[in-house]
Amino acid sequence: MGAKVGGKKGGAMADINVTPLVDVVLVLLIIFMVVTPMLSSGIDVKLPKAKTAVEEKDMGQNLVVGVRGDGRVYVDKTEVTKETLVAELVKVRASRALVLKGDKTATYRQVREVMDMIHKDVPGTDTMLLATEKIKEEGAE
């Protein structure tokens, strides 16, 4: 591999070497591909499936309350008891949207109990988003 130093006059060539630029862009692309799935908020739960779900990307901007099938409740990734749930939400909420993630194995009663506690005791929570997984239609890609 050699470098061009110019024509007959011996001056520098004005060619741009794009190989280092492409290398940097590919490394950044790989980094973003690895980091992006880690940006979702809250605990990982198996969400129930719904035909009418609207897909929305979670980039960590929402406050997530997770309910597991065994009754454990989480605010973002911190486990809380049902007694301290309201106090924790009031402390960390600010003006972020509230998303409720109920595990597929959780009963309706467990999720509804948490929803009622939040709605009744946390100011400004007239609206809660419920997380579901969209059912993929057959034949669609």
C-alpha atoms as a PDB file:
ATOM      1  CA  MET A   1       0.000   0.000   0.000  1.00  0.00           C
ATOM      2  CA  GLY A   2       1.593   3.265  -0.998  1.00  0.00           C
ATOM      3  CA  ALA A   3       0.779   6.935  -0.733  1.00  0.00           C
ATOM      4  CA  LYS A   4       0.606   9.267  -3.689  1.00  0.00           C
ATOM      5  CA  VAL A   5       2.807  12.301  -3.234  1.00  0.00           C
ATOM      6  CA  GLY A   6       1.796  14.242  -6.281  1.00  0.00           C
ATOM      7  CA  GLY A   7       2.368  14.354  -9.954  1.00  0.00           C
ATOM      8  CA  LYS A   8       5.466  15.588 -11.784  1.00  0.00           C
ATOM      9  CA  LYS A   9       5.665  18.637  -9.531  1.00  0.00           C
ATOM     10  CA  GLY A  10       6.070  16.528  -6.372  1.00  0.00           C
ATOM     11  CA  GLY A  11       3.327  18.316  -4.319  1.00  0.00           C
ATOM     12  CA  ALA A  12       0.769  16.699  -2.032  1.00  0.00           C
ATOM     13  CA  MET A  13      -2.360  15.125  -3.535  1.00  0.00           C
ATOM     14  CA  ALA A  14      -5.780  16.388  -2.465  1.00  0.00           C
ATOM     15  CA  ASP A  15      -7.423  12.933  -2.302  1.00  0.00           C
ATOM     16  CA  ILE A  16      -9.439  12.115   0.814  1.00  0.00           C
ATOM     17  CA  ASN A  17      -8.802   8.723   2.382  1.00  0.00           C
ATOM     18  CA  VAL A  18     -12.260   7.485   3.435  1.00  0.00           C
ATOM     19  CA  THR A  19     -11.129   4.160   4.915  1.00  0.00           C
ATOM     20  CA  PRO A  20     -10.574   5.530   8.463  1.00  0.00           C
ATOM     21  CA  LEU A  21     -13.926   7.327   8.292  1.00  0.00           C
ATOM     22  CA  VAL A  22     -15.730   4.130   7.299  1.00  0.00           C
ATOM     23  CA  ASP A  23     -13.981   2.231  10.102  1.00  0.00           C
ATOM     24  CA  VAL A  24     -15.101   4.768  12.709  1.00  0.00           C
ATOM     25  CA  VAL A  25     -18.690   4.825  11.415  1.00  0.00           C
ATOM     26  CA  LEU A  26     -18.921   1.021  11.472  1.00  0.00           C
ATOM     27  CA  VAL A  27     -17.597   0.871  15.050  1.00  0.00           C
ATOM     28  CA  LEU A  28     -20.144   3.504  16.148  1.00  0.00           C
ATOM     29  CA  LEU A  29     -22.922   1.586  14.400  1.00  0.00           C
ATOM     30  CA  ILE A  30     -21.992  -1.608  16.241  1.00  0.00           C
ATOM     31  CA  ILE A  31     -21.851   0.249  19.576  1.00  0.00           C
ATOM     32  CA  PHE A  32     -25.319   1.733  19.031  1.00  0.00           C
ATOM     33  CA  MET A  33     -26.719  -1.650  17.984  1.00  0.00           C
ATOM     34  CA  VAL A  34     -25.442  -3.210  21.207  1.00  0.00           C
ATOM     35  CA  VAL A  35     -26.426  -0.367  23.560  1.00  0.00           C
ATOM     36  CA  THR A  36     -29.911   0.456  22.196  1.00  0.00           C
ATOM     37  CA  PRO A  37     -31.704  -2.641  23.563  1.00  0.00           C
ATOM     38  CA  MET A  38     -30.309  -1.845  27.010  1.00  0.00           C
ATOM     39  CA  LEU A  39     -31.977   1.570  27.083  1.00  0.00           C
ATOM     40  CA  SER A  40     -35.465   0.255  27.808  1.00  0.00           C
ATOM     41  CA  SER A  41     -36.724   1.093  31.258  1.00  0.00           C
ATOM     42  CA  GLY A  42     -37.903  -1.171  34.007  1.00  0.00           C
ATOM     43  CA  ILE A  43     -37.510  -4.849  34.606  1.00  0.00           C
ATOM     44  CA  ASP A  44     -37.789  -7.433  31.887  1.00  0.00           C
ATOM     45  CA  VAL A  45     -41.159  -9.139  31.962  1.00  0.00           C
ATOM     46  CA  LYS A  46     -42.989 -11.313  29.472  1.00  0.00           C
ATOM     47  CA  LEU A  47     -45.718  -8.968  28.319  1.00  0.00           C
ATOM     48  CA  PRO A  48     -49.195 -10.154  27.397  1.00  0.00           C
ATOM     49  CA  LYS A  49     -50.007 -10.036  23.679  1.00  0.00           C
ATOM     50  CA  ALA A  50     -52.647  -7.773  22.135  1.00  0.00           C
ATOM     51  CA  LYS A  51     -53.876  -7.266  18.586  1.00  0.00           C
ATOM     52  CA  THR A  52     -54.543  -3.558  19.053  1.00  0.00           C
ATOM     53  CA  ALA A  53     -51.189  -2.629  20.609  1.00  0.00           C
ATOM     54  CA  VAL A  54     -49.540   0.501  19.267  1.00  0.00           C
ATOM     55  CA  GLU A  55     -45.797   0.074  18.947  1.00  0.00           C
ATOM     56  CA  GLU A  56     -43.833   2.798  20.668  1.00  0.00           C
ATOM     57  CA  LYS A  57     -40.092   2.788  21.275  1.00  0.00           C
ATOM     58  CA  ASP A  58     -39.043   3.003  24.912  1.00  0.00           C
ATOM     59  CA  MET A  59     -35.814   4.951  25.173  1.00  0.00           C
ATOM     60  CA  GLY A  60     -35.820   5.302  28.943  1.00  0.00           C
ATOM     61  CA  GLN A  61     -37.990   8.427  29.036  1.00  0.00           C
ATOM     62  CA  ASN A  62     -40.868   6.817  30.971  1.00  0.00           C
ATOM     63  CA  LEU A  63     -41.187   5.807  34.595  1.00  0.00           C
ATOM     64  CA  VAL A  64     -41.970   2.094  34.604  1.00  0.00           C
ATOM     65  CA  VAL A  65     -43.842   0.170  37.280  1.00  0.00           C
ATOM     66  CA  GLY A  66     -43.469  -3.583  36.830  1.00  0.00           C
ATOM     67  CA  VAL A  67     -45.661  -6.273  38.360  1.00  0.00           C
ATOM     68  CA  ARG A  68     -44.362  -9.844  38.320  1.00  0.00           C
ATOM     69  CA  GLY A  69     -46.501 -12.960  38.459  1.00  0.00           C
ATOM     70  CA  ASP A  70     -45.397 -13.708  42.025  1.00  0.00           C
ATOM     71  CA  GLY A  71     -46.721 -10.324  43.209  1.00  0.00           C
ATOM     72  CA  ARG A  72     -43.413  -8.464  43.422  1.00  0.00           C
ATOM     73  CA  VAL A  73     -43.606  -4.799  42.360  1.00  0.00           C
ATOM     74  CA  TYR A  74     -40.763  -2.749  40.844  1.00  0.00           C
ATOM     75  CA  VAL A  75     -40.266   0.959  40.179  1.00  0.00           C
ATOM     76  CA  ASP A  76     -37.880   1.037  37.231  1.00  0.00           C
ATOM     77  CA  LYS A  77     -35.460  -1.703  38.330  1.00  0.00           C
ATOM     78  CA  THR A  78     -35.845  -1.301  42.105  1.00  0.00           C
ATOM     79  CA  GLU A  79     -38.056  -3.725  43.994  1.00  0.00           C
ATOM     80  CA  VAL A  80     -40.521  -2.029  46.352  1.00  0.00           C
ATOM     81  CA  THR A  81     -43.233  -3.291  48.633  1.00  0.00           C
ATOM     82  CA  LYS A  82     -46.847  -2.349  48.037  1.00  0.00           C
ATOM     83  CA  GLU A  83     -46.698  -0.232  51.194  1.00  0.00           C
ATOM     84  CA  THR A  84     -43.733   1.851  49.917  1.00  0.00           C
ATOM     85  CA  LEU A  85     -44.831   1.979  46.262  1.00  0.00           C
ATOM     86  CA  VAL A  86     -46.699   5.278  46.518  1.00  0.00           C
ATOM     87  CA  ALA A  87     -43.910   7.018  48.454  1.00  0.00           C
ATOM     88  CA  GLU A  88     -41.309   5.835  45.938  1.00  0.00           C
ATOM     89  CA  LEU A  89     -43.394   7.024  42.969  1.00  0.00           C
ATOM     90  CA  VAL A  90     -43.986  10.447  44.507  1.00  0.00           C
ATOM     91  CA  LYS A  91     -40.231  10.736  45.128  1.00  0.00           C
ATOM     92  CA  VAL A  92     -39.030   9.800  41.600  1.00  0.00           C
ATOM     93  CA  ARG A  93     -41.939  10.647  39.312  1.00  0.00           C
ATOM     94  CA  ALA A  94     -41.317  14.304  38.300  1.00  0.00           C
ATOM     95  CA  SER A  95     -43.322  14.807  35.089  1.00  0.00           C
ATOM     96  CA  ARG A  96     -42.470  11.534  33.376  1.00  0.00           C
ATOM     97  CA  ALA A  97     -45.168   9.389  31.812  1.00  0.00           C
ATOM     98  CA  LEU A  98     -46.056   6.298  33.829  1.00  0.00           C
ATOM     99  CA  VAL A  99     -45.951   2.895  32.117  1.00  0.00           C
ATOM    100  CA  LEU A 100     -47.328  -0.199  33.818  1.00  0.00           C
ATOM    101  CA  LYS A 101     -45.751  -3.506  32.771  1.00  0.00           C
ATOM    102  CA  GLY A 102     -47.684  -6.489  34.009  1.00  0.00           C
ATOM    103  CA  ASP A 103     -46.059  -9.886  33.619  1.00  0.00           C
ATOM    104  CA  LYS A 104     -47.906 -12.405  31.466  1.00  0.00           C
ATOM    105  CA  THR A 105     -48.234 -14.694  34.488  1.00  0.00           C
ATOM    106  CA  ALA A 106     -49.579 -11.928  36.781  1.00  0.00           C
ATOM    107  CA  THR A 107     -53.270 -12.044  37.506  1.00  0.00           C
ATOM    108  CA  TYR A 108     -55.605  -9.226  36.593  1.00  0.00           C
ATOM    109  CA  ARG A 109     -56.234  -8.647  40.302  1.00  0.00           C
ATOM    110  CA  GLN A 110     -52.503  -8.103  41.018  1.00  0.00           C
ATOM    111  CA  VAL A 111     -52.116  -5.540  38.237  1.00  0.00           C
ATOM    112  CA  ARG A 112     -55.417  -3.796  38.989  1.00  0.00           C
ATOM    113  CA  GLU A 113     -54.512  -3.473  42.676  1.00  0.00           C
ATOM    114  CA  VAL A 114     -51.291  -1.648  41.768  1.00  0.00           C
ATOM    115  CA  MET A 115     -53.146   0.547  39.245  1.00  0.00           C
ATOM    116  CA  ASP A 116     -55.717   1.529  41.869  1.00  0.00           C
ATOM    117  CA  MET A 117     -53.039   2.383  44.443  1.00  0.00           C
ATOM    118  CA  ILE A 118     -51.202   4.587  41.954  1.00  0.00           C
ATOM    119  CA  HIS A 119     -54.331   6.294  40.650  1.00  0.00           C
ATOM    120  CA  LYS A 120     -55.693   6.999  44.136  1.00  0.00           C
ATOM    121  CA  ASP A 121     -52.540   8.142  45.953  1.00  0.00           C
ATOM    122  CA  VAL A 122     -50.017   9.517  43.406  1.00  0.00           C
ATOM    123  CA  PRO A 123     -50.903  13.042  42.245  1.00  0.00           C
ATOM    124  CA  GLY A 124     -51.016  13.672  38.493  1.00  0.00           C
ATOM    125  CA  THR A 125     -51.529  10.066  37.409  1.00  0.00           C
ATOM    126  CA  ASP A 126     -54.825  10.354  35.608  1.00  0.00           C
ATOM    127  CA  THR A 127     -53.241   8.550  32.660  1.00  0.00           C
ATOM    128  CA  MET A 128     -51.202   5.341  32.750  1.00  0.00           C
ATOM    129  CA  LEU A 129     -49.819   3.507  29.760  1.00  0.00           C
ATOM    130  CA  LEU A 130     -50.153  -0.282  29.760  1.00  0.00           C
ATOM    131  CA  ALA A 131     -47.339  -2.177  28.074  1.00  0.00           C
ATOM    132  CA  THR A 132     -48.273  -5.082  25.807  1.00  0.00           C
ATOM    133  CA  GLU A 133     -46.611  -6.943  22.993  1.00  0.00           C
ATOM    134  CA  LYS A 134     -48.178  -6.648  19.554  1.00  0.00           C
ATOM    135  CA  ILE A 135     -49.340  -9.882  17.951  1.00  0.00           C
ATOM    136  CA  LYS A 136     -47.634 -10.293  14.610  1.00  0.00           C
ATOM    137  CA  GLU A 137     -50.128 -10.862  11.832  1.00  0.00           C
ATOM    138  CA  GLU A 138     -49.641 -13.917   9.659  1.00  0.00           C
ATOM    139  CA  GLY A 139     -48.102 -13.132   6.291  1.00  0.00           C
ATOM    140  CA  ALA A 140     -46.813  -9.728   7.417  1.00  0.00           C
ATOM    141  CA  GLU A 141     -43.133  -9.123   7.779  1.00  0.00           C
END
